[in-house]
Amino acid sequence: MFRELVRKEILENIQSLRFVLSLLLIVSVFATSGFVFVGKYRQELEDYSRETNKNFSALSKRAKNLSELAFYKQAIWRKPKVLEFCAEGFEKSLPNRFKVNVFIVDHPEVQSRSNFLLPRFSDIDWVFIISIILSFVALLLTYDSICGEKEAATLSLMLSGPVPRDTVVLSKYLGAMCTLGMPLL
């Protein structure tokens, strides 16, 4: 009986307009996030390549004189992360450049194209989509799972048989979790 109740809950959720609209919302936000990330990643990779090439050319100019090479402060850059679209976190707050020579390592620096005076908004990465948007979709799909059954008088029919209440609640929960997991596949 538990399997039939879970199946019924999944089918009700899939056939609802709320599920279709939320699936379209999630897929479009995932696609938009990926599209925005590709442009941003290309720009960061170009900046990284330009700065490292500039550093290599300066090192090759100073390689003729060993004392000049030893005292030259070169910049070591951190390569941009490929999987930043999954979980950006606070990558922008971490240092991405060090200035070093043979004797000294300066304090790490954060250099980016963004304005540090403007408030920092979180990027729409997969963690944001799953934590915020999928939580909203969970509320949309499950807000009337028990009360909707009670209003339609199917809850009393379901509980009039030998089905325990915990089985009904657990099947509704498992059906909702399976339905919410579908957009992530």
C-alpha atoms as a PDB file:
ATOM      1  CA  MET A   1       0.000   0.000   0.000  1.00  0.00           C
ATOM      2  CA  PHE A   2       2.899   2.316   0.753  1.00  0.00           C
ATOM      3  CA  ARG A   3       4.219   1.995  -2.799  1.00  0.00           C
ATOM      4  CA  GLU A   4       0.813   2.835  -4.286  1.00  0.00           C
ATOM      5  CA  LEU A   5       0.469   5.909  -2.086  1.00  0.00           C
ATOM      6  CA  VAL A   6       3.935   7.165  -3.072  1.00  0.00           C
ATOM      7  CA  ARG A   7       3.146   6.499  -6.745  1.00  0.00           C
ATOM      8  CA  LYS A   8      -0.176   8.364  -6.442  1.00  0.00           C
ATOM      9  CA  GLU A   9       1.539  11.352  -4.827  1.00  0.00           C
ATOM     10  CA  ILE A  10       4.266  11.479  -7.489  1.00  0.00           C
ATOM     11  CA  LEU A  11       1.714  11.258 -10.306  1.00  0.00           C
ATOM     12  CA  GLU A  12      -0.433  13.998  -8.768  1.00  0.00           C
ATOM     13  CA  ASN A  13       2.583  16.264  -8.445  1.00  0.00           C
ATOM     14  CA  ILE A  14       3.880  15.574 -11.958  1.00  0.00           C
ATOM     15  CA  GLN A  15       0.509  16.176 -13.575  1.00  0.00           C
ATOM     16  CA  SER A  16      -0.033  19.493 -11.827  1.00  0.00           C
ATOM     17  CA  LEU A  17       0.576  22.816 -13.538  1.00  0.00           C
ATOM     18  CA  ARG A  18       2.692  23.920 -10.581  1.00  0.00           C
ATOM     19  CA  PHE A  19       5.242  21.178 -11.299  1.00  0.00           C
ATOM     20  CA  VAL A  20       5.486  22.033 -14.990  1.00  0.00           C
ATOM     21  CA  LEU A  21       5.940  25.744 -14.275  1.00  0.00           C
ATOM     22  CA  SER A  22       8.470  25.108 -11.535  1.00  0.00           C
ATOM     23  CA  LEU A  23      10.394  22.704 -13.786  1.00  0.00           C
ATOM     24  CA  LEU A  24      10.520  25.360 -16.500  1.00  0.00           C
ATOM     25  CA  LEU A  25      11.661  27.941 -13.944  1.00  0.00           C
ATOM     26  CA  ILE A  26      14.436  25.724 -12.591  1.00  0.00           C
ATOM     27  CA  VAL A  27      15.704  24.660 -16.023  1.00  0.00           C
ATOM     28  CA  SER A  28      15.682  28.248 -17.303  1.00  0.00           C
ATOM     29  CA  VAL A  29      17.537  29.525 -14.215  1.00  0.00           C
ATOM     30  CA  PHE A  30      20.121  26.725 -14.547  1.00  0.00           C
ATOM     31  CA  ALA A  31      20.617  27.586 -18.240  1.00  0.00           C
ATOM     32  CA  THR A  32      20.844  31.323 -17.575  1.00  0.00           C
ATOM     33  CA  SER A  33      23.342  30.747 -14.787  1.00  0.00           C
ATOM     34  CA  GLY A  34      25.503  28.613 -17.068  1.00  0.00           C
ATOM     35  CA  PHE A  35      25.307  31.142 -19.890  1.00  0.00           C
ATOM     36  CA  VAL A  36      26.337  34.018 -17.613  1.00  0.00           C
ATOM     37  CA  PHE A  37      29.143  31.952 -16.101  1.00  0.00           C
ATOM     38  CA  VAL A  38      30.669  31.112 -19.500  1.00  0.00           C
ATOM     39  CA  GLY A  39      31.100  34.800 -20.360  1.00  0.00           C
ATOM     40  CA  LYS A  40      32.457  35.635 -16.929  1.00  0.00           C
ATOM     41  CA  TYR A  41      34.854  32.671 -16.974  1.00  0.00           C
ATOM     42  CA  ARG A  42      36.204  33.604 -20.412  1.00  0.00           C
ATOM     43  CA  GLN A  43      36.895  37.140 -19.213  1.00  0.00           C
ATOM     44  CA  GLU A  44      38.635  35.901 -16.058  1.00  0.00           C
ATOM     45  CA  LEU A  45      40.697  33.427 -18.094  1.00  0.00           C
ATOM     46  CA  GLU A  46      41.745  36.184 -20.515  1.00  0.00           C
ATOM     47  CA  ASP A  47      42.776  38.384 -17.572  1.00  0.00           C
ATOM     48  CA  TYR A  48      44.724  35.501 -16.042  1.00  0.00           C
ATOM     49  CA  SER A  49      46.506  34.710 -19.327  1.00  0.00           C
ATOM     50  CA  ARG A  50      47.339  38.366 -19.942  1.00  0.00           C
ATOM     51  CA  GLU A  51      48.780  38.874 -16.461  1.00  0.00           C
ATOM     52  CA  THR A  52      50.807  35.652 -16.468  1.00  0.00           C
ATOM     53  CA  ASN A  53      52.202  36.439 -19.931  1.00  0.00           C
ATOM     54  CA  LYS A  54      53.106  39.923 -18.708  1.00  0.00           C
ATOM     55  CA  ASN A  55      54.874  38.360 -15.729  1.00  0.00           C
ATOM     56  CA  PHE A  56      56.775  35.851 -17.925  1.00  0.00           C
ATOM     57  CA  SER A  57      57.918  38.563 -20.311  1.00  0.00           C
ATOM     58  CA  ALA A  58      59.159  40.711 -17.410  1.00  0.00           C
ATOM     59  CA  LEU A  59      60.994  37.715 -15.961  1.00  0.00           C
ATOM     60  CA  SER A  60      62.624  36.897 -19.290  1.00  0.00           C
ATOM     61  CA  LYS A  61      63.821  40.523 -19.614  1.00  0.00           C
ATOM     62  CA  ARG A  62      65.387  40.397 -16.159  1.00  0.00           C
ATOM     63  CA  ALA A  63      66.856  36.895 -16.552  1.00  0.00           C
ATOM     64  CA  LYS A  64      70.079  38.314 -17.997  1.00  0.00           C
ATOM     65  CA  ASN A  65      71.031  39.915 -14.681  1.00  0.00           C
ATOM     66  CA  LEU A  66      70.680  37.632 -11.660  1.00  0.00           C
ATOM     67  CA  SER A  67      70.597  40.402  -9.036  1.00  0.00           C
ATOM     68  CA  GLU A  68      67.907  42.256 -10.960  1.00  0.00           C
ATOM     69  CA  LEU A  69      65.912  39.024 -11.231  1.00  0.00           C
ATOM     70  CA  ALA A  70      66.257  38.337  -7.494  1.00  0.00           C
ATOM     71  CA  PHE A  71      64.892  41.742  -6.463  1.00  0.00           C
ATOM     72  CA  TYR A  72      62.111  41.879  -9.073  1.00  0.00           C
ATOM     73  CA  LYS A  73      58.680  41.514  -7.484  1.00  0.00           C
ATOM     74  CA  GLN A  74      56.726  39.192  -9.689  1.00  0.00           C
ATOM     75  CA  ALA A  75      52.989  38.683  -9.412  1.00  0.00           C
ATOM     76  CA  ILE A  76      51.707  35.146  -8.985  1.00  0.00           C
ATOM     77  CA  TRP A  77      48.064  34.826  -9.998  1.00  0.00           C
ATOM     78  CA  ARG A  78      45.545  32.191  -8.986  1.00  0.00           C
ATOM     79  CA  LYS A  79      43.864  30.492 -11.937  1.00  0.00           C
ATOM     80  CA  PRO A  80      40.070  30.947 -12.199  1.00  0.00           C
ATOM     81  CA  LYS A  81      38.041  27.945 -11.083  1.00  0.00           C
ATOM     82  CA  VAL A  82      36.205  25.953 -13.753  1.00  0.00           C
ATOM     83  CA  LEU A  83      33.490  24.672 -11.406  1.00  0.00           C
ATOM     84  CA  GLU A  84      32.638  28.049  -9.926  1.00  0.00           C
ATOM     85  CA  PHE A  85      29.149  27.868 -11.437  1.00  0.00           C
ATOM     86  CA  CYS A  86      28.354  24.950  -9.099  1.00  0.00           C
ATOM     87  CA  ALA A  87      29.344  26.652  -5.860  1.00  0.00           C
ATOM     88  CA  GLU A  88      30.859  30.116  -6.046  1.00  0.00           C
ATOM     89  CA  GLY A  89      30.916  30.619  -2.306  1.00  0.00           C
ATOM     90  CA  PHE A  90      33.188  33.511  -1.418  1.00  0.00           C
ATOM     91  CA  GLU A  91      35.787  32.930  -4.141  1.00  0.00           C
ATOM     92  CA  LYS A  92      35.785  36.642  -4.872  1.00  0.00           C
ATOM     93  CA  SER A  93      36.805  37.377  -1.294  1.00  0.00           C
ATOM     94  CA  LEU A  94      39.842  35.090  -1.454  1.00  0.00           C
ATOM     95  CA  PRO A  95      43.154  36.559  -2.597  1.00  0.00           C
ATOM     96  CA  ASN A  96      44.012  35.923  -6.213  1.00  0.00           C
ATOM     97  CA  ARG A  97      47.454  37.530  -6.414  1.00  0.00           C
ATOM     98  CA  PHE A  98      50.726  37.447  -4.492  1.00  0.00           C
ATOM     99  CA  LYS A  99      53.752  39.628  -5.129  1.00  0.00           C
ATOM    100  CA  VAL A 100      57.012  37.846  -4.371  1.00  0.00           C
ATOM    101  CA  ASN A 101      60.724  38.081  -4.915  1.00  0.00           C
ATOM    102  CA  VAL A 102      63.533  35.928  -3.604  1.00  0.00           C
ATOM    103  CA  PHE A 103      63.466  37.520  -0.146  1.00  0.00           C
ATOM    104  CA  ILE A 104      59.899  38.730   0.476  1.00  0.00           C
ATOM    105  CA  VAL A 105      56.359  37.474   0.027  1.00  0.00           C
ATOM    106  CA  ASP A 106      53.950  40.409   0.220  1.00  0.00           C
ATOM    107  CA  HIS A 107      50.463  40.213   1.609  1.00  0.00           C
ATOM    108  CA  PRO A 108      47.929  38.535  -0.654  1.00  0.00           C
ATOM    109  CA  GLU A 109      45.788  40.859  -2.758  1.00  0.00           C
ATOM    110  CA  VAL A 110      42.337  40.679  -4.232  1.00  0.00           C
ATOM    111  CA  GLN A 111      42.161  42.149  -7.714  1.00  0.00           C
ATOM    112  CA  SER A 112      39.031  41.943  -9.812  1.00  0.00           C
ATOM    113  CA  ARG A 113      36.939  43.925 -12.240  1.00  0.00           C
ATOM    114  CA  SER A 114      34.134  44.493  -9.731  1.00  0.00           C
ATOM    115  CA  ASN A 115      33.772  47.613  -7.636  1.00  0.00           C
ATOM    116  CA  PHE A 116      34.541  46.831  -3.999  1.00  0.00           C
ATOM    117  CA  LEU A 117      32.482  49.808  -2.804  1.00  0.00           C
ATOM    118  CA  LEU A 118      29.241  48.380  -4.149  1.00  0.00           C
ATOM    119  CA  PRO A 119      27.458  45.832  -1.987  1.00  0.00           C
ATOM    120  CA  ARG A 120      28.263  42.266  -2.893  1.00  0.00           C
ATOM    121  CA  PHE A 121      25.313  40.227  -4.094  1.00  0.00           C
ATOM    122  CA  SER A 122      25.518  36.466  -4.218  1.00  0.00           C
ATOM    123  CA  ASP A 123      25.873  34.960  -7.653  1.00  0.00           C
ATOM    124  CA  ILE A 124      23.187  32.648  -8.922  1.00  0.00           C
ATOM    125  CA  ASP A 125      25.072  29.376  -8.831  1.00  0.00           C
ATOM    126  CA  TRP A 126      23.757  25.849  -8.368  1.00  0.00           C
ATOM    127  CA  VAL A 127      23.872  26.115  -4.593  1.00  0.00           C
ATOM    128  CA  PHE A 128      21.659  29.223  -4.701  1.00  0.00           C
ATOM    129  CA  ILE A 129      19.250  27.591  -7.152  1.00  0.00           C
ATOM    130  CA  ILE A 130      18.926  24.433  -5.077  1.00  0.00           C
ATOM    131  CA  SER A 131      18.721  26.142  -1.695  1.00  0.00           C
ATOM    132  CA  ILE A 132      16.417  29.057  -2.502  1.00  0.00           C
ATOM    133  CA  ILE A 133      14.444  28.261  -5.633  1.00  0.00           C
ATOM    134  CA  LEU A 134      13.974  24.551  -4.948  1.00  0.00           C
ATOM    135  CA  SER A 135      12.844  25.368  -1.391  1.00  0.00           C
ATOM    136  CA  PHE A 136      10.226  27.688  -2.853  1.00  0.00           C
ATOM    137  CA  VAL A 137       9.155  24.948  -5.275  1.00  0.00           C
ATOM    138  CA  ALA A 138       8.882  22.512  -2.350  1.00  0.00           C
ATOM    139  CA  LEU A 139       6.466  24.901  -0.667  1.00  0.00           C
ATOM    140  CA  LEU A 140       4.485  25.253  -3.885  1.00  0.00           C
ATOM    141  CA  LEU A 141       4.156  21.524  -4.420  1.00  0.00           C
ATOM    142  CA  THR A 142       3.399  20.449  -0.864  1.00  0.00           C
ATOM    143  CA  TYR A 143       1.383  23.266   0.664  1.00  0.00           C
ATOM    144  CA  ASP A 144      -1.923  21.457   0.200  1.00  0.00           C
ATOM    145  CA  SER A 145      -0.916  17.805   0.238  1.00  0.00           C
ATOM    146  CA  ILE A 146      -2.807  16.952   3.445  1.00  0.00           C
ATOM    147  CA  CYS A 147      -5.363  19.786   3.447  1.00  0.00           C
ATOM    148  CA  GLY A 148      -6.138  19.266  -0.238  1.00  0.00           C
ATOM    149  CA  GLU A 149      -6.868  15.601   0.427  1.00  0.00           C
ATOM    150  CA  LYS A 150      -9.090  16.600   3.347  1.00  0.00           C
ATOM    151  CA  GLU A 151     -11.028  19.111   1.231  1.00  0.00           C
ATOM    152  CA  ALA A 152     -11.499  16.588  -1.568  1.00  0.00           C
ATOM    153  CA  ALA A 153     -12.654  14.014   1.033  1.00  0.00           C
ATOM    154  CA  THR A 154     -10.081  11.501  -0.189  1.00  0.00           C
ATOM    155  CA  LEU A 155      -8.154  11.610   3.088  1.00  0.00           C
ATOM    156  CA  SER A 156     -11.086  10.141   5.014  1.00  0.00           C
ATOM    157  CA  LEU A 157     -11.487   7.429   2.360  1.00  0.00           C
ATOM    158  CA  MET A 158      -7.789   6.639   2.555  1.00  0.00           C
ATOM    159  CA  LEU A 159      -7.747   6.467   6.348  1.00  0.00           C
ATOM    160  CA  SER A 160     -10.989   4.450   6.563  1.00  0.00           C
ATOM    161  CA  GLY A 161      -9.044   1.392   5.396  1.00  0.00           C
ATOM    162  CA  PRO A 162      -6.207  -0.395   7.179  1.00  0.00           C
ATOM    163  CA  VAL A 163      -3.638   2.288   6.268  1.00  0.00           C
ATOM    164  CA  PRO A 164      -1.862   3.835   9.272  1.00  0.00           C
ATOM    165  CA  ARG A 165      -1.529   7.594   9.442  1.00  0.00           C
ATOM    166  CA  ASP A 166       2.249   7.481   9.544  1.00  0.00           C
ATOM    167  CA  THR A 167       2.261   5.549   6.264  1.00  0.00           C
ATOM    168  CA  VAL A 168       0.140   8.254   4.638  1.00  0.00           C
ATOM    169  CA  VAL A 169       2.346  11.071   5.913  1.00  0.00           C
ATOM    170  CA  LEU A 170       5.560   9.234   5.012  1.00  0.00           C
ATOM    171  CA  SER A 171       4.272   8.421   1.525  1.00  0.00           C
ATOM    172  CA  LYS A 172       3.358  12.066   0.949  1.00  0.00           C
ATOM    173  CA  TYR A 173       6.814  13.148   2.131  1.00  0.00           C
ATOM    174  CA  LEU A 174       8.627  10.575  -0.013  1.00  0.00           C
ATOM    175  CA  GLY A 175       6.476  11.423  -3.037  1.00  0.00           C
ATOM    176  CA  ALA A 176       7.264  15.111  -2.638  1.00  0.00           C
ATOM    177  CA  MET A 177      11.012  14.419  -2.279  1.00  0.00           C
ATOM    178  CA  CYS A 178      11.024  12.213  -5.393  1.00  0.00           C
ATOM    179  CA  THR A 179       9.159  14.898  -7.310  1.00  0.00           C
ATOM    180  CA  LEU A 180      11.592  17.589  -6.153  1.00  0.00           C
ATOM    181  CA  GLY A 181      14.543  15.424  -7.157  1.00  0.00           C
ATOM    182  CA  MET A 182      13.331  15.108 -10.748  1.00  0.00           C
ATOM    183  CA  PRO A 183      14.464  18.575 -11.919  1.00  0.00           C
ATOM    184  CA  LEU A 184      17.953  17.802 -10.624  1.00  0.00           C
ATOM    185  CA  LEU A 185      18.329  14.731 -12.827  1.00  0.00           C
END
